[in-house]
Amino acid sequence: MKTNLKFIFLLLAIVSLFSACKSVSSSEEEPTPSGTNSFAATVDGKSWNATKTSGGVAVVGGLLTIVGKVDDANEISIQMIGRDIQTGVDYQFEIPANETNKNANLIYKRQNSPLLAKGGKIRFTTFTNKKIEGQFEAQVSDFINATAEIQSGAFTINL
């Protein structure tokens, strides 16, 4: 009798598991379009357009990350603390001595070689829980001999 009870319990558990897995509808599995993301700039006088753009603010720690990627070897990423960001304010990639500012970082990866921002700024024109838009410019370097100038950078991230 105990064996039959265990068998029935096991059978019910398996049926429940399969029915729970099948209850997800196809519309929940497919992403819903929320708009077009974009990320573009002029790098050393040449047009640079990302083929893939992503971004958002991490719930834990509040780190804002915005990434524009051409391929695995070429991308621009911007990071900063995403709490209390204001629109219309220039946030510097390099903070002068004795000034307070949000810590913003930019990394330009060119042919797998990272160049870090040594100057420049980012300005948000929209910063809501549905959309992040802004412009940026930066002077980047590997601090040895490679440099690049990023101008007219712009991004739109739909969350």
Protein backbone atom coordinates (compact mmCIF):
# COMPACT_ATOMS: atom_id res chain seq x y z
CA MET A 1 0.00 0.00 0.00
CA LYS A 2 2.85 2.40 0.83
CA THR A 3 4.46 1.62 -2.54
CA ASN A 4 1.20 2.46 -4.36
CA LEU A 5 0.90 5.72 -2.43
CA LYS A 6 4.49 6.69 -3.32
CA PHE A 7 3.85 5.78 -6.96
CA ILE A 8 0.66 7.88 -7.10
CA PHE A 9 2.42 10.82 -5.42
CA LEU A 10 5.33 10.58 -7.87
CA LEU A 11 2.93 10.37 -10.83
CA LEU A 12 1.01 13.44 -9.62
CA ALA A 13 4.27 15.36 -9.18
CA ILE A 14 5.39 14.52 -12.73
CA VAL A 15 2.00 15.46 -14.22
CA SER A 16 2.03 18.75 -12.28
CA LEU A 17 5.55 19.51 -13.48
CA PHE A 18 4.69 18.91 -17.15
CA SER A 19 1.45 20.84 -16.97
CA ALA A 20 3.26 23.80 -15.35
CA CYS A 21 5.87 23.79 -18.13
CA LYS A 22 3.22 23.79 -20.84
CA SER A 23 1.21 26.61 -19.26
CA VAL A 24 3.58 29.28 -20.63
CA SER A 25 1.99 30.78 -23.69
CA SER A 26 3.98 31.55 -26.82
CA SER A 27 3.37 35.28 -26.41
CA GLU A 28 5.23 35.20 -23.08
CA GLU A 29 8.23 33.50 -24.66
CA GLU A 30 8.61 36.03 -27.47
CA PRO A 31 10.06 39.43 -26.60
CA THR A 32 7.73 42.32 -27.08
CA PRO A 33 9.09 45.12 -29.25
CA SER A 34 9.63 48.26 -27.21
CA GLY A 35 11.20 50.47 -29.86
CA THR A 36 14.45 50.71 -31.70
CA ASN A 37 17.71 51.04 -29.81
CA SER A 38 20.53 52.99 -31.42
CA PHE A 39 24.15 53.88 -30.67
CA ALA A 40 26.33 55.89 -33.07
CA ALA A 41 29.30 58.25 -33.04
CA THR A 42 32.09 59.66 -35.14
CA VAL A 43 35.44 58.07 -34.27
CA ASP A 44 38.54 59.76 -35.64
CA GLY A 45 36.40 61.45 -38.30
CA LYS A 46 34.69 58.24 -39.48
CA SER A 47 31.10 57.17 -38.92
CA TRP A 48 30.72 54.44 -36.27
CA ASN A 49 27.33 52.70 -35.96
CA ALA A 50 26.58 49.86 -33.56
CA THR A 51 24.80 46.82 -34.92
CA LYS A 52 23.68 45.84 -31.41
CA THR A 53 22.77 48.20 -28.58
CA SER A 54 21.85 47.39 -25.00
CA GLY A 55 21.68 49.05 -21.64
CA GLY A 56 19.97 49.51 -18.35
CA VAL A 57 20.43 50.06 -14.64
CA ALA A 58 21.24 47.09 -12.41
CA VAL A 59 18.82 46.71 -9.51
CA VAL A 60 21.63 45.84 -7.10
CA GLY A 61 24.23 48.58 -6.91
CA GLY A 62 22.50 50.87 -9.42
CA LEU A 63 25.21 50.58 -12.09
CA LEU A 64 24.11 52.07 -15.42
CA THR A 65 25.62 50.37 -18.45
CA ILE A 66 25.12 51.40 -22.08
CA VAL A 67 26.84 49.36 -24.79
CA GLY A 68 27.03 49.82 -28.55
CA LYS A 69 28.64 46.90 -30.33
CA VAL A 70 29.72 46.49 -33.96
CA ASP A 71 31.10 43.00 -33.31
CA ASP A 72 32.96 41.19 -30.52
CA ALA A 73 36.16 43.14 -31.23
CA ASN A 74 34.68 46.65 -31.57
CA GLU A 75 32.41 48.34 -29.05
CA ILE A 76 31.86 51.43 -26.94
CA SER A 77 30.57 51.02 -23.40
CA ILE A 78 29.63 53.65 -20.85
CA GLN A 79 29.21 52.94 -17.14
CA MET A 80 28.20 55.10 -14.20
CA ILE A 81 26.14 54.95 -11.03
CA GLY A 82 22.56 55.19 -12.29
CA ARG A 83 20.87 56.72 -9.25
CA ASP A 84 19.81 60.37 -9.23
CA ILE A 85 20.90 61.03 -12.82
CA GLN A 86 19.56 64.32 -14.10
CA THR A 87 18.83 65.32 -17.68
CA GLY A 88 20.60 68.34 -19.12
CA VAL A 89 23.68 67.93 -16.90
CA ASP A 90 27.17 67.24 -18.27
CA TYR A 91 28.79 64.32 -16.44
CA GLN A 92 32.54 64.29 -17.02
CA PHE A 93 34.57 61.20 -17.87
CA GLU A 94 37.51 62.87 -16.12
CA ILE A 95 36.83 64.55 -12.80
CA PRO A 96 39.12 67.52 -12.06
CA ALA A 97 40.76 67.61 -8.61
CA ASN A 98 38.52 68.74 -5.75
CA GLU A 99 35.31 68.52 -7.81
CA THR A 100 32.42 66.21 -7.14
CA ASN A 101 30.67 64.47 -9.99
CA LYS A 102 29.10 61.17 -10.77
CA ASN A 103 31.82 58.74 -11.76
CA ALA A 104 31.34 58.09 -15.47
CA ASN A 105 33.60 55.76 -17.45
CA LEU A 106 33.84 55.09 -21.18
CA ILE A 107 35.72 52.24 -22.80
CA TYR A 108 36.26 52.08 -26.57
CA LYS A 109 37.31 48.62 -27.70
CA ARG A 110 38.98 48.78 -31.14
CA GLN A 111 40.13 45.45 -32.60
CA ASN A 112 40.07 43.98 -29.06
CA SER A 113 42.35 46.74 -27.73
CA PRO A 114 40.64 48.78 -25.00
CA LEU A 115 41.06 52.54 -24.91
CA LEU A 116 39.85 54.37 -21.79
CA ALA A 117 38.36 57.86 -21.60
CA LYS A 118 40.84 60.43 -20.38
CA GLY A 119 38.41 63.29 -21.01
CA GLY A 120 34.97 64.05 -22.38
CA LYS A 121 31.39 64.13 -21.17
CA ILE A 122 27.98 62.49 -21.31
CA ARG A 123 24.62 64.28 -21.17
CA PHE A 124 21.26 62.57 -20.78
CA THR A 125 18.28 64.08 -22.59
CA THR A 126 15.83 61.40 -21.39
CA PHE A 127 16.24 59.20 -18.32
CA THR A 128 13.09 57.29 -17.31
CA ASN A 129 12.24 53.71 -16.45
CA LYS A 130 11.20 53.25 -20.11
CA LYS A 131 13.85 55.12 -22.08
CA ILE A 132 17.42 56.42 -21.77
CA GLU A 133 18.72 58.85 -24.39
CA GLY A 134 21.76 61.06 -24.54
CA GLN A 135 24.89 62.35 -26.23
CA PHE A 136 28.56 61.89 -25.45
CA GLU A 137 32.06 62.73 -26.61
CA ALA A 138 35.41 61.50 -25.35
CA GLN A 139 39.12 61.47 -25.86
CA VAL A 140 40.33 57.91 -25.30
CA SER A 141 43.78 56.39 -24.87
CA ASP A 142 45.60 53.24 -23.85
CA PHE A 143 47.93 55.63 -21.93
CA ILE A 144 50.93 54.32 -23.90
CA ASN A 145 50.61 55.35 -27.54
CA ALA A 146 47.13 54.61 -28.99
CA THR A 147 44.50 57.38 -28.93
CA ALA A 148 41.15 58.13 -30.55
CA GLU A 149 38.67 61.00 -30.63
CA ILE A 150 34.97 60.16 -30.24
CA GLN A 151 32.58 62.94 -31.27
CA SER A 152 28.85 63.38 -31.83
CA GLY A 153 28.02 60.21 -29.90
CA ALA A 154 24.32 59.53 -29.39
CA PHE A 155 22.30 56.65 -28.00
CA THR A 156 18.71 55.61 -27.41
CA ILE A 157 17.88 52.66 -25.16
CA ASN A 158 14.29 51.50 -24.83
CA LEU A 159 13.81 49.54 -21.63
